[in-house]
Amino acid sequence: MTCNELFGRMEEKYAELGISDVNGVFQFNIDGQDGGRWHAVCAGPSCQVLSGLHESPDVTVSARSEHVIKLADGRMNPALALLTGKVKIKGKPSLLAKVQSLLSGLR
C-alpha cells in the first residue's frame, strides 16, 4: 500500500472507526519515494482529507513514507517512532495524541 492510498482512505476509515473527539487541522509532510503533502480537517464525526499544504495547521507531522505505512498498519510503535526521530510532530499539545487515532486502522 502507498501513502497516497492510505491518505485516500483516511476519511472512510475515520467514519468507520467512529472517531468523534478530534477537532483540528493536521498537516502531514511525508518524504520518500511515496511521499507527498496532505492535510486532514477534522471536526468531530467528520474528517476531510485533501492533498497539499494547509496554511495554518494545528499539528504538523513529518516522516518518511515507509514509517507512515508501518505506523498505519501497526508494525511500528508510535512512542518509539517519536523517540528515535522517525516521526516528528509539532503543534497544539491537546491534539498531539490524536495523530495516532488518525493513522490507526488505515490498512
PDB file of N, CA and C in Angstrom:
ATOM      1  N   MET A   1       0.848  -1.178   0.000  1.00  0.00           N
ATOM      2  CA  MET A   1       0.000   0.000   0.000  1.00  0.00           C
ATOM      3  C   MET A   1       0.891   1.238   0.000  1.00  0.00           C
ATOM      4  N   THR A   2       0.459   2.277  -0.679  1.00  0.00           N
ATOM      5  CA  THR A   2       1.212   3.526  -0.763  1.00  0.00           C
ATOM      6  C   THR A   2       0.627   4.575   0.182  1.00  0.00           C
ATOM      7  N   CYS A   3       1.393   5.623   0.434  1.00  0.00           N
ATOM      8  CA  CYS A   3       0.882   6.726   1.276  1.00  0.00           C
ATOM      9  C   CYS A   3      -0.313   7.393   0.603  1.00  0.00           C
ATOM     10  N   ASN A   4      -0.269   7.523  -0.697  1.00  0.00           N
ATOM     11  CA  ASN A   4      -1.396   8.130  -1.410  1.00  0.00           C
ATOM     12  C   ASN A   4      -2.674   7.322  -1.177  1.00  0.00           C
ATOM     13  N   GLU A   5      -2.565   6.003  -1.210  1.00  0.00           N
ATOM     14  CA  GLU A   5      -3.721   5.148  -0.935  1.00  0.00           C
ATOM     15  C   GLU A   5      -4.161   5.266   0.526  1.00  0.00           C
ATOM     16  N   LEU A   6      -3.188   5.323   1.447  1.00  0.00           N
ATOM     17  CA  LEU A   6      -3.524   5.449   2.867  1.00  0.00           C
ATOM     18  C   LEU A   6      -4.300   6.736   3.144  1.00  0.00           C
ATOM     19  N   PHE A   7      -3.791   7.852   2.642  1.00  0.00           N
ATOM     20  CA  PHE A   7      -4.470   9.119   2.894  1.00  0.00           C
ATOM     21  C   PHE A   7      -5.781   9.211   2.117  1.00  0.00           C
ATOM     22  N   GLY A   8      -5.853   8.508   0.992  1.00  0.00           N
ATOM     23  CA  GLY A   8      -7.103   8.458   0.237  1.00  0.00           C
ATOM     24  C   GLY A   8      -8.206   7.721   0.987  1.00  0.00           C
ATOM     25  N   ARG A   9      -7.820   6.823   1.880  1.00  0.00           N
ATOM     26  CA  ARG A   9      -8.789   6.044   2.664  1.00  0.00           C
ATOM     27  C   ARG A   9      -9.072   6.648   4.037  1.00  0.00           C
ATOM     28  N   MET A  10      -8.351   7.691   4.414  1.00  0.00           N
ATOM     29  CA  MET A  10      -8.459   8.211   5.775  1.00  0.00           C
ATOM     30  C   MET A  10      -9.873   8.661   6.133  1.00  0.00           C
ATOM     31  N   GLU A  11     -10.547   9.360   5.234  1.00  0.00           N
ATOM     32  CA  GLU A  11     -11.915   9.827   5.536  1.00  0.00           C
ATOM     33  C   GLU A  11     -12.840   8.654   5.818  1.00  0.00           C
ATOM     34  N   GLU A  12     -12.784   7.644   4.966  1.00  0.00           N
ATOM     35  CA  GLU A  12     -13.636   6.465   5.107  1.00  0.00           C
ATOM     36  C   GLU A  12     -13.344   5.726   6.414  1.00  0.00           C
ATOM     37  N   LYS A  13     -12.070   5.506   6.704  1.00  0.00           N
ATOM     38  CA  LYS A  13     -11.684   4.794   7.915  1.00  0.00           C
ATOM     39  C   LYS A  13     -12.020   5.599   9.164  1.00  0.00           C
ATOM     40  N   TYR A  14     -11.888   6.905   9.095  1.00  0.00           N
ATOM     41  CA  TYR A  14     -12.242   7.782  10.219  1.00  0.00           C
ATOM     42  C   TYR A  14     -13.703   7.554  10.598  1.00  0.00           C
ATOM     43  N   ALA A  15     -14.565   7.534   9.580  1.00  0.00           N
ATOM     44  CA  ALA A  15     -16.000   7.317   9.819  1.00  0.00           C
ATOM     45  C   ALA A  15     -16.262   5.898  10.322  1.00  0.00           C
ATOM     46  N   GLU A  16     -15.615   4.898   9.721  1.00  0.00           N
ATOM     47  CA  GLU A  16     -15.803   3.502  10.128  1.00  0.00           C
ATOM     48  C   GLU A  16     -15.406   3.267  11.575  1.00  0.00           C
ATOM     49  N   LEU A  17     -14.335   3.907  12.019  1.00  0.00           N
ATOM     50  CA  LEU A  17     -13.848   3.726  13.380  1.00  0.00           C
ATOM     51  C   LEU A  17     -14.678   4.499  14.394  1.00  0.00           C
ATOM     52  N   GLY A  18     -15.559   5.368  13.912  1.00  0.00           N
ATOM     53  CA  GLY A  18     -16.428   6.115  14.808  1.00  0.00           C
ATOM     54  C   GLY A  18     -15.702   7.161  15.641  1.00  0.00           C
ATOM     55  N   ILE A  19     -14.630   7.695  15.105  1.00  0.00           N
ATOM     56  CA  ILE A  19     -13.878   8.726  15.818  1.00  0.00           C
ATOM     57  C   ILE A  19     -14.733   9.990  15.863  1.00  0.00           C
ATOM     58  N   SER A  20     -14.902  10.555  17.046  1.00  0.00           N
ATOM     59  CA  SER A  20     -15.743  11.752  17.143  1.00  0.00           C
ATOM     60  C   SER A  20     -15.145  12.826  18.042  1.00  0.00           C
ATOM     61  N   ASP A  21     -13.944  12.568  18.565  1.00  0.00           N
ATOM     62  CA  ASP A  21     -13.371  13.516  19.513  1.00  0.00           C
ATOM     63  C   ASP A  21     -12.158  14.269  18.967  1.00  0.00           C
ATOM     64  N   VAL A  22     -12.008  14.328  17.652  1.00  0.00           N
ATOM     65  CA  VAL A  22     -10.884  15.039  17.049  1.00  0.00           C
ATOM     66  C   VAL A  22     -11.400  16.312  16.385  1.00  0.00           C
ATOM     67  N   ASN A  23     -10.840  17.426  16.800  1.00  0.00           N
ATOM     68  CA  ASN A  23     -11.205  18.721  16.221  1.00  0.00           C
ATOM     69  C   ASN A  23      -9.936  19.507  15.968  1.00  0.00           C
ATOM     70  N   GLY A  24      -9.551  19.617  14.701  1.00  0.00           N
ATOM     71  CA  GLY A  24      -8.344  20.354  14.361  1.00  0.00           C
ATOM     72  C   GLY A  24      -7.903  20.057  12.945  1.00  0.00           C
ATOM     73  N   VAL A  25      -6.855  20.770  12.528  1.00  0.00           N
ATOM     74  CA  VAL A  25      -6.278  20.589  11.203  1.00  0.00           C
ATOM     75  C   VAL A  25      -4.902  19.958  11.371  1.00  0.00           C
ATOM     76  N   PHE A  26      -4.692  18.845  10.685  1.00  0.00           N
ATOM     77  CA  PHE A  26      -3.462  18.068  10.778  1.00  0.00           C
ATOM     78  C   PHE A  26      -2.754  18.089   9.427  1.00  0.00           C
ATOM     79  N   GLN A  27      -1.525  18.564   9.400  1.00  0.00           N
ATOM     80  CA  GLN A  27      -0.728  18.593   8.182  1.00  0.00           C
ATOM     81  C   GLN A  27       0.234  17.416   8.208  1.00  0.00           C
ATOM     82  N   PHE A  28       0.285  16.652   7.132  1.00  0.00           N
ATOM     83  CA  PHE A  28       1.191  15.521   7.012  1.00  0.00           C
ATOM     84  C   PHE A  28       2.187  15.814   5.896  1.00  0.00           C
ATOM     85  N   ASN A  29       3.458  15.956   6.259  1.00  0.00           N
ATOM     86  CA  ASN A  29       4.535  16.196   5.301  1.00  0.00           C
ATOM     87  C   ASN A  29       5.356  14.915   5.228  1.00  0.00           C
ATOM     88  N   ILE A  30       5.156  14.172   4.171  1.00  0.00           N
ATOM     89  CA  ILE A  30       5.743  12.840   4.045  1.00  0.00           C
ATOM     90  C   ILE A  30       6.803  12.852   2.949  1.00  0.00           C
ATOM     91  N   ASP A  31       8.023  12.498   3.331  1.00  0.00           N
ATOM     92  CA  ASP A  31       9.137  12.432   2.390  1.00  0.00           C
ATOM     93  C   ASP A  31       9.366  10.995   1.953  1.00  0.00           C
ATOM     94  N   GLY A  32      10.172  10.832   0.932  1.00  0.00           N
ATOM     95  CA  GLY A  32      10.493   9.498   0.446  1.00  0.00           C
ATOM     96  C   GLY A  32       9.873   9.248  -0.911  1.00  0.00           C
ATOM     97  N   GLN A  33      10.112   8.072  -1.418  1.00  0.00           N
ATOM     98  CA  GLN A  33       9.674   7.701  -2.760  1.00  0.00           C
ATOM     99  C   GLN A  33       8.168   7.851  -2.944  1.00  0.00           C
ATOM    100  N   ASP A  34       7.415   7.556  -1.921  1.00  0.00           N
ATOM    101  CA  ASP A  34       5.957   7.590  -1.982  1.00  0.00           C
ATOM    102  C   ASP A  34       5.400   8.789  -1.209  1.00  0.00           C
ATOM    103  N   GLY A  35       6.205   9.816  -1.058  1.00  0.00           N
ATOM    104  CA  GLY A  35       5.817  10.946  -0.226  1.00  0.00           C
ATOM    105  C   GLY A  35       4.843  11.908  -0.877  1.00  0.00           C
ATOM    106  N   GLY A  36       4.514  12.922  -0.117  1.00  0.00           N
ATOM    107  CA  GLY A  36       3.602  13.949  -0.572  1.00  0.00           C
ATOM    108  C   GLY A  36       3.169  14.806   0.596  1.00  0.00           C
ATOM    109  N   ARG A  37       2.230  15.677   0.344  1.00  0.00           N
ATOM    110  CA  ARG A  37       1.685  16.559   1.370  1.00  0.00           C
ATOM    111  C   ARG A  37       0.179  16.387   1.401  1.00  0.00           C
ATOM    112  N   TRP A  38      -0.365  16.152   2.593  1.00  0.00           N
ATOM    113  CA  TRP A  38      -1.802  16.008   2.791  1.00  0.00           C
ATOM    114  C   TRP A  38      -2.177  16.762   4.053  1.00  0.00           C
ATOM    115  N   HIS A  39      -3.427  17.170   4.138  1.00  0.00           N
ATOM    116  CA  HIS A  39      -3.922  17.723   5.396  1.00  0.00           C
ATOM    117  C   HIS A  39      -5.327  17.195   5.649  1.00  0.00           C
ATOM    118  N   ALA A  40      -5.592  17.001   6.931  1.00  0.00           N
ATOM    119  CA  ALA A  40      -6.889  16.495   7.372  1.00  0.00           C
ATOM    120  C   ALA A  40      -7.553  17.568   8.226  1.00  0.00           C
ATOM    121  N   VAL A  41      -8.771  17.928   7.837  1.00  0.00           N
ATOM    122  CA  VAL A  41      -9.560  18.900   8.594  1.00  0.00           C
ATOM    123  C   VAL A  41     -10.643  18.097   9.306  1.00  0.00           C
ATOM    124  N   CYS A  42     -10.475  17.936  10.616  1.00  0.00           N
ATOM    125  CA  CYS A  42     -11.371  17.090  11.397  1.00  0.00           C
ATOM    126  C   CYS A  42     -12.234  17.943  12.320  1.00  0.00           C
ATOM    127  N   ALA A  43     -13.527  17.632  12.312  1.00  0.00           N
ATOM    128  CA  ALA A  43     -14.491  18.336  13.162  1.00  0.00           C
ATOM    129  C   ALA A  43     -15.469  17.306  13.710  1.00  0.00           C
ATOM    130  N   GLY A  44     -15.118  16.750  14.873  1.00  0.00           N
ATOM    131  CA  GLY A  44     -15.992  15.753  15.480  1.00  0.00           C
ATOM    132  C   GLY A  44     -16.108  14.504  14.632  1.00  0.00           C
ATOM    133  N   PRO A  45     -17.311  14.156  14.207  1.00  0.00           N
ATOM    134  CA  PRO A  45     -17.509  12.907  13.475  1.00  0.00           C
ATOM    135  C   PRO A  45     -17.126  12.964  11.995  1.00  0.00           C
ATOM    136  N   SER A  46     -16.702  14.118  11.497  1.00  0.00           N
ATOM    137  CA  SER A  46     -16.319  14.194  10.084  1.00  0.00           C
ATOM    138  C   SER A  46     -14.873  14.626   9.938  1.00  0.00           C
ATOM    139  N   CYS A  47     -14.249  14.138   8.871  1.00  0.00           N
ATOM    140  CA  CYS A  47     -12.852  14.469   8.599  1.00  0.00           C
ATOM    141  C   CYS A  47     -12.678  14.515   7.086  1.00  0.00           C
ATOM    142  N   GLN A  48     -12.184  15.642   6.601  1.00  0.00           N
ATOM    143  CA  GLN A  48     -11.941  15.803   5.169  1.00  0.00           C
ATOM    144  C   GLN A  48     -10.437  15.814   4.940  1.00  0.00           C
ATOM    145  N   VAL A  49      -9.963  14.960   4.050  1.00  0.00           N
ATOM    146  CA  VAL A  49      -8.539  14.849   3.755  1.00  0.00           C
ATOM    147  C   VAL A  49      -8.297  15.351   2.334  1.00  0.00           C
ATOM    148  N   LEU A  50      -7.366  16.287   2.220  1.00  0.00           N
ATOM    149  CA  LEU A  50      -7.037  16.888   0.930  1.00  0.00           C
ATOM    150  C   LEU A  50      -5.537  16.833   0.703  1.00  0.00           C
ATOM    151  N   SER A  51      -5.119  16.777  -0.542  1.00  0.00           N
ATOM    152  CA  SER A  51      -3.692  16.833  -0.825  1.00  0.00           C
ATOM    153  C   SER A  51      -3.234  18.283  -0.772  1.00  0.00           C
ATOM    154  N   GLY A  52      -1.967  18.465  -0.478  1.00  0.00           N
ATOM    155  CA  GLY A  52      -1.391  19.793  -0.438  1.00  0.00           C
ATOM    156  C   GLY A  52      -1.191  20.307   0.974  1.00  0.00           C
ATOM    157  N   LEU A  53      -0.734  21.548   1.031  1.00  0.00           N
ATOM    158  CA  LEU A  53      -0.439  22.189   2.307  1.00  0.00           C
ATOM    159  C   LEU A  53      -1.620  23.017   2.793  1.00  0.00           C
ATOM    160  N   HIS A  54      -1.825  23.013   4.102  1.00  0.00           N
ATOM    161  CA  HIS A  54      -2.821  23.879   4.733  1.00  0.00           C
ATOM    162  C   HIS A  54      -2.068  25.077   5.285  1.00  0.00           C
ATOM    163  N   GLU A  55      -2.638  26.267   5.164  1.00  0.00           N
ATOM    164  CA  GLU A  55      -1.906  27.464   5.577  1.00  0.00           C
ATOM    165  C   GLU A  55      -1.765  27.634   7.082  1.00  0.00           C
ATOM    166  N   SER A  56      -2.627  27.016   7.876  1.00  0.00           N
ATOM    167  CA  SER A  56      -2.500  27.173   9.335  1.00  0.00           C
ATOM    168  C   SER A  56      -2.933  25.902  10.079  1.00  0.00           C
ATOM    169  N   PRO A  57      -2.133  24.830   9.966  1.00  0.00           N
ATOM    170  CA  PRO A  57      -2.490  23.594  10.671  1.00  0.00           C
ATOM    171  C   PRO A  57      -2.293  23.732  12.175  1.00  0.00           C
ATOM    172  N   ASP A  58      -3.056  22.949  12.920  1.00  0.00           N
ATOM    173  CA  ASP A  58      -2.899  22.886  14.369  1.00  0.00           C
ATOM    174  C   ASP A  58      -1.753  21.964  14.758  1.00  0.00           C
ATOM    175  N   VAL A  59      -1.542  20.921  13.949  1.00  0.00           N
ATOM    176  CA  VAL A  59      -0.496  19.926  14.188  1.00  0.00           C
ATOM    177  C   VAL A  59       0.173  19.603  12.856  1.00  0.00           C
ATOM    178  N   THR A  60       1.498  19.477  12.889  1.00  0.00           N
ATOM    179  CA  THR A  60       2.241  19.076  11.695  1.00  0.00           C
ATOM    180  C   THR A  60       3.009  17.800  12.004  1.00  0.00           C
ATOM    181  N   VAL A  61       2.840  16.813  11.138  1.00  0.00           N
ATOM    182  CA  VAL A  61       3.521  15.526  11.260  1.00  0.00           C
ATOM    183  C   VAL A  61       4.488  15.404  10.091  1.00  0.00           C
ATOM    184  N   SER A  62       5.754  15.134  10.401  1.00  0.00           N
ATOM    185  CA  SER A  62       6.767  14.948   9.357  1.00  0.00           C
ATOM    186  C   SER A  62       7.379  13.565   9.528  1.00  0.00           C
ATOM    187  N   ALA A  63       7.469  12.827   8.412  1.00  0.00           N
ATOM    188  CA  ALA A  63       8.016  11.470   8.465  1.00  0.00           C
ATOM    189  C   ALA A  63       8.353  11.005   7.052  1.00  0.00           C
ATOM    190  N   ARG A  64       9.034   9.890   6.979  1.00  0.00           N
ATOM    191  CA  ARG A  64       9.286   9.250   5.685  1.00  0.00           C
ATOM    192  C   ARG A  64       8.122   8.305   5.390  1.00  0.00           C
ATOM    193  N   SER A  65       7.875   8.081   4.136  1.00  0.00           N
ATOM    194  CA  SER A  65       6.725   7.281   3.722  1.00  0.00           C
ATOM    195  C   SER A  65       6.731   5.875   4.318  1.00  0.00           C
ATOM    196  N   GLU A  66       7.889   5.244   4.363  1.00  0.00           N
ATOM    197  CA  GLU A  66       7.932   3.876   4.889  1.00  0.00           C
ATOM    198  C   GLU A  66       7.555   3.822   6.369  1.00  0.00           C
ATOM    199  N   HIS A  67       7.850   4.879   7.111  1.00  0.00           N
ATOM    200  CA  HIS A  67       7.492   4.911   8.529  1.00  0.00           C
ATOM    201  C   HIS A  67       5.994   5.145   8.724  1.00  0.00           C
ATOM    202  N   VAL A  68       5.410   5.967   7.884  1.00  0.00           N
ATOM    203  CA  VAL A  68       3.960   6.206   7.970  1.00  0.00           C
ATOM    204  C   VAL A  68       3.200   4.915   7.688  1.00  0.00           C
ATOM    205  N   ILE A  69       3.626   4.184   6.699  1.00  0.00           N
ATOM    206  CA  ILE A  69       2.966   2.919   6.358  1.00  0.00           C
ATOM    207  C   ILE A  69       3.096   1.922   7.509  1.00  0.00           C
ATOM    208  N   LYS A  70       4.281   1.844   8.123  1.00  0.00           N
ATOM    209  CA  LYS A  70       4.475   0.944   9.263  1.00  0.00           C
ATOM    210  C   LYS A  70       3.608   1.358  10.449  1.00  0.00           C
ATOM    211  N   LEU A  71       3.500   2.663  10.706  1.00  0.00           N
ATOM    212  CA  LEU A  71       2.641   3.135  11.790  1.00  0.00           C
ATOM    213  C   LEU A  71       1.184   2.782  11.526  1.00  0.00           C
ATOM    214  N   ALA A  72       0.750   3.009  10.298  1.00  0.00           N
ATOM    215  CA  ALA A  72      -0.653   2.790   9.946  1.00  0.00           C
ATOM    216  C   ALA A  72      -1.064   1.330  10.078  1.00  0.00           C
ATOM    217  N   ASP A  73      -0.149   0.423   9.775  1.00  0.00           N
ATOM    218  CA  ASP A  73      -0.536  -0.996   9.857  1.00  0.00           C
ATOM    219  C   ASP A  73      -0.067  -1.668  11.143  1.00  0.00           C
ATOM    220  N   GLY A  74       0.416  -0.869  12.105  1.00  0.00           N
ATOM    221  CA  GLY A  74       0.754  -1.408  13.414  1.00  0.00           C
ATOM    222  C   GLY A  74       2.109  -2.070  13.525  1.00  0.00           C
ATOM    223  N   ARG A  75       2.974  -1.934  12.530  1.00  0.00           N
ATOM    224  CA  ARG A  75       4.297  -2.561  12.583  1.00  0.00           C
ATOM    225  C   ARG A  75       5.347  -1.666  13.241  1.00  0.00           C
ATOM    226  N   MET A  76       4.960  -0.445  13.633  1.00  0.00           N
ATOM    227  CA  MET A  76       5.886   0.445  14.305  1.00  0.00           C
ATOM    228  C   MET A  76       5.206   1.046  15.527  1.00  0.00           C
ATOM    229  N   ASN A  77       5.908   1.034  16.636  1.00  0.00           N
ATOM    230  CA  ASN A  77       5.401   1.604  17.875  1.00  0.00           C
ATOM    231  C   ASN A  77       5.460   3.137  17.769  1.00  0.00           C
ATOM    232  N   PRO A  78       4.329   3.840  17.961  1.00  0.00           N
ATOM    233  CA  PRO A  78       4.305   5.295  17.836  1.00  0.00           C
ATOM    234  C   PRO A  78       5.260   6.011  18.789  1.00  0.00           C
ATOM    235  N   ALA A  79       5.338   5.561  20.032  1.00  0.00           N
ATOM    236  CA  ALA A  79       6.229   6.202  21.002  1.00  0.00           C
ATOM    237  C   ALA A  79       7.691   6.038  20.592  1.00  0.00           C
ATOM    238  N   LEU A  80       8.050   4.851  20.137  1.00  0.00           N
ATOM    239  CA  LEU A  80       9.414   4.598  19.700  1.00  0.00           C
ATOM    240  C   LEU A  80       9.743   5.416  18.442  1.00  0.00           C
ATOM    241  N   ALA A  81       8.779   5.544  17.547  1.00  0.00           N
ATOM    242  CA  ALA A  81       8.984   6.343  16.342  1.00  0.00           C
ATOM    243  C   ALA A  81       9.277   7.797  16.695  1.00  0.00           C
ATOM    244  N   LEU A  82       8.589   8.317  17.695  1.00  0.00           N
ATOM    245  CA  LEU A  82       8.833   9.693  18.144  1.00  0.00           C
ATOM    246  C   LEU A  82      10.186   9.819  18.829  1.00  0.00           C
ATOM    247  N   LEU A  83      10.493   8.888  19.725  1.00  0.00           N
ATOM    248  CA  LEU A  83      11.752   8.939  20.470  1.00  0.00           C
ATOM    249  C   LEU A  83      12.975   8.823  19.577  1.00  0.00           C
ATOM    250  N   THR A  84      12.871   8.040  18.512  1.00  0.00           N
ATOM    251  CA  THR A  84      14.008   7.840  17.613  1.00  0.00           C
ATOM    252  C   THR A  84      14.046   8.869  16.480  1.00  0.00           C
ATOM    253  N   GLY A  85      13.077   9.773  16.436  1.00  0.00           N
ATOM    254  CA  GLY A  85      13.063  10.819  15.415  1.00  0.00           C
ATOM    255  C   GLY A  85      12.562  10.375  14.059  1.00  0.00           C
ATOM    256  N   LYS A  86      12.009   9.179  13.968  1.00  0.00           N
ATOM    257  CA  LYS A  86      11.480   8.703  12.686  1.00  0.00           C
ATOM    258  C   LYS A  86      10.201   9.442  12.321  1.00  0.00           C
ATOM    259  N   VAL A  87       9.510   9.927  13.331  1.00  0.00           N
ATOM    260  CA  VAL A  87       8.312  10.742  13.142  1.00  0.00           C
ATOM    261  C   VAL A  87       8.480  11.976  14.023  1.00  0.00           C
ATOM    262  N   LYS A  88       8.216  13.138  13.450  1.00  0.00           N
ATOM    263  CA  LYS A  88       8.293  14.385  14.204  1.00  0.00           C
ATOM    264  C   LYS A  88       6.925  15.043  14.183  1.00  0.00           C
ATOM    265  N   ILE A  89       6.487  15.449  15.360  1.00  0.00           N
ATOM    266  CA  ILE A  89       5.169  16.067  15.492  1.00  0.00           C
ATOM    267  C   ILE A  89       5.331  17.370  16.253  1.00  0.00           C
ATOM    268  N   LYS A  90       4.724  18.427  15.729  1.00  0.00           N
ATOM    269  CA  LYS A  90       4.719  19.695  16.466  1.00  0.00           C
ATOM    270  C   LYS A  90       3.343  20.324  16.335  1.00  0.00           C
ATOM    271  N   GLY A  91       2.988  21.097  17.341  1.00  0.00           N
ATOM    272  CA  GLY A  91       1.697  21.764  17.305  1.00  0.00           C
ATOM    273  C   GLY A  91       1.040  21.809  18.662  1.00  0.00           C
ATOM    274  N   LYS A  92      -0.267  21.959  18.652  1.00  0.00           N
ATOM    275  CA  LYS A  92      -1.046  22.077  19.886  1.00  0.00           C
ATOM    276  C   LYS A  92      -0.955  20.791  20.709  1.00  0.00           C
ATOM    277  N   PRO A  93      -0.480  20.901  21.941  1.00  0.00           N
ATOM    278  CA  PRO A  93      -0.328  19.703  22.783  1.00  0.00           C
ATOM    279  C   PRO A  93      -1.613  18.898  22.943  1.00  0.00           C
ATOM    280  N   SER A  94      -2.743  19.548  22.997  1.00  0.00           N
ATOM    281  CA  SER A  94      -4.006  18.823  23.196  1.00  0.00           C
ATOM    282  C   SER A  94      -4.362  17.944  22.003  1.00  0.00           C
ATOM    283  N   LEU A  95      -3.783  18.215  20.847  1.00  0.00           N
ATOM    284  CA  LEU A  95      -4.099  17.439  19.641  1.00  0.00           C
ATOM    285  C   LEU A  95      -3.012  16.443  19.256  1.00  0.00           C
ATOM    286  N   LEU A  96      -1.843  16.539  19.878  1.00  0.00           N
ATOM    287  CA  LEU A  96      -0.739  15.663  19.501  1.00  0.00           C
ATOM    288  C   LEU A  96      -1.094  14.185  19.648  1.00  0.00           C
ATOM    289  N   ALA A  97      -1.801  13.844  20.699  1.00  0.00           N
ATOM    290  CA  ALA A  97      -2.170  12.443  20.937  1.00  0.00           C
ATOM    291  C   ALA A  97      -3.197  11.935  19.926  1.00  0.00           C
ATOM    292  N   LYS A  98      -3.867  12.814  19.224  1.00  0.00           N
ATOM    293  CA  LYS A  98      -4.900  12.412  18.273  1.00  0.00           C
ATOM    294  C   LYS A  98      -4.327  11.910  16.944  1.00  0.00           C
ATOM    295  N   VAL A  99      -3.041  12.158  16.716  1.00  0.00           N
ATOM    296  CA  VAL A  99      -2.430  11.731  15.454  1.00  0.00           C
ATOM    297  C   VAL A  99      -2.539  10.219  15.276  1.00  0.00           C
ATOM    298  N   GLN A 100      -2.293   9.463  16.330  1.00  0.00           N
ATOM    299  CA  GLN A 100      -2.394   8.011  16.229  1.00  0.00           C
ATOM    300  C   GLN A 100      -3.813   7.581  15.872  1.00  0.00           C
ATOM    301  N   SER A 101      -4.819   8.280  16.400  1.00  0.00           N
ATOM    302  CA  SER A 101      -6.210   7.960  16.040  1.00  0.00           C
ATOM    303  C   SER A 101      -6.423   8.118  14.542  1.00  0.00           C
ATOM    304  N   LEU A 102      -5.828   9.145  13.977  1.00  0.00           N
ATOM    305  CA  LEU A 102      -5.994   9.386  12.540  1.00  0.00           C
ATOM    306  C   LEU A 102      -5.312   8.317  11.700  1.00  0.00           C
ATOM    307  N   LEU A 103      -4.151   7.851  12.154  1.00  0.00           N
ATOM    308  CA  LEU A 103      -3.406   6.878  11.373  1.00  0.00           C
ATOM    309  C   LEU A 103      -3.824   5.430  11.621  1.00  0.00           C
ATOM    310  N   SER A 104      -4.465   5.163  12.745  1.00  0.00           N
ATOM    311  CA  SER A 104      -4.809   3.781  13.074  1.00  0.00           C
ATOM    312  C   SER A 104      -5.886   3.235  12.148  1.00  0.00           C
ATOM    313  N   GLY A 105      -5.730   1.996  11.833  1.00  0.00           N
ATOM    314  CA  GLY A 105      -6.748   1.308  11.045  1.00  0.00           C
ATOM    315  C   GLY A 105      -6.812   1.700   9.580  1.00  0.00           C
ATOM    316  N   LEU A 106      -5.787   2.355   9.051  1.00  0.00           N
ATOM    317  CA  LEU A 106      -5.849   2.773   7.653  1.00  0.00           C
ATOM    318  C   LEU A 106      -5.589   1.643   6.666  1.00  0.00           C
ATOM    319  N   ARG A 107      -4.995   0.565   7.113  1.00  0.00           N
ATOM    320  CA  ARG A 107      -4.694  -0.541   6.198  1.00  0.00           C
ATOM    321  C   ARG A 107      -5.923  -1.338   5.920  1.00  0.00           C
TER     322      ARG A 107
END
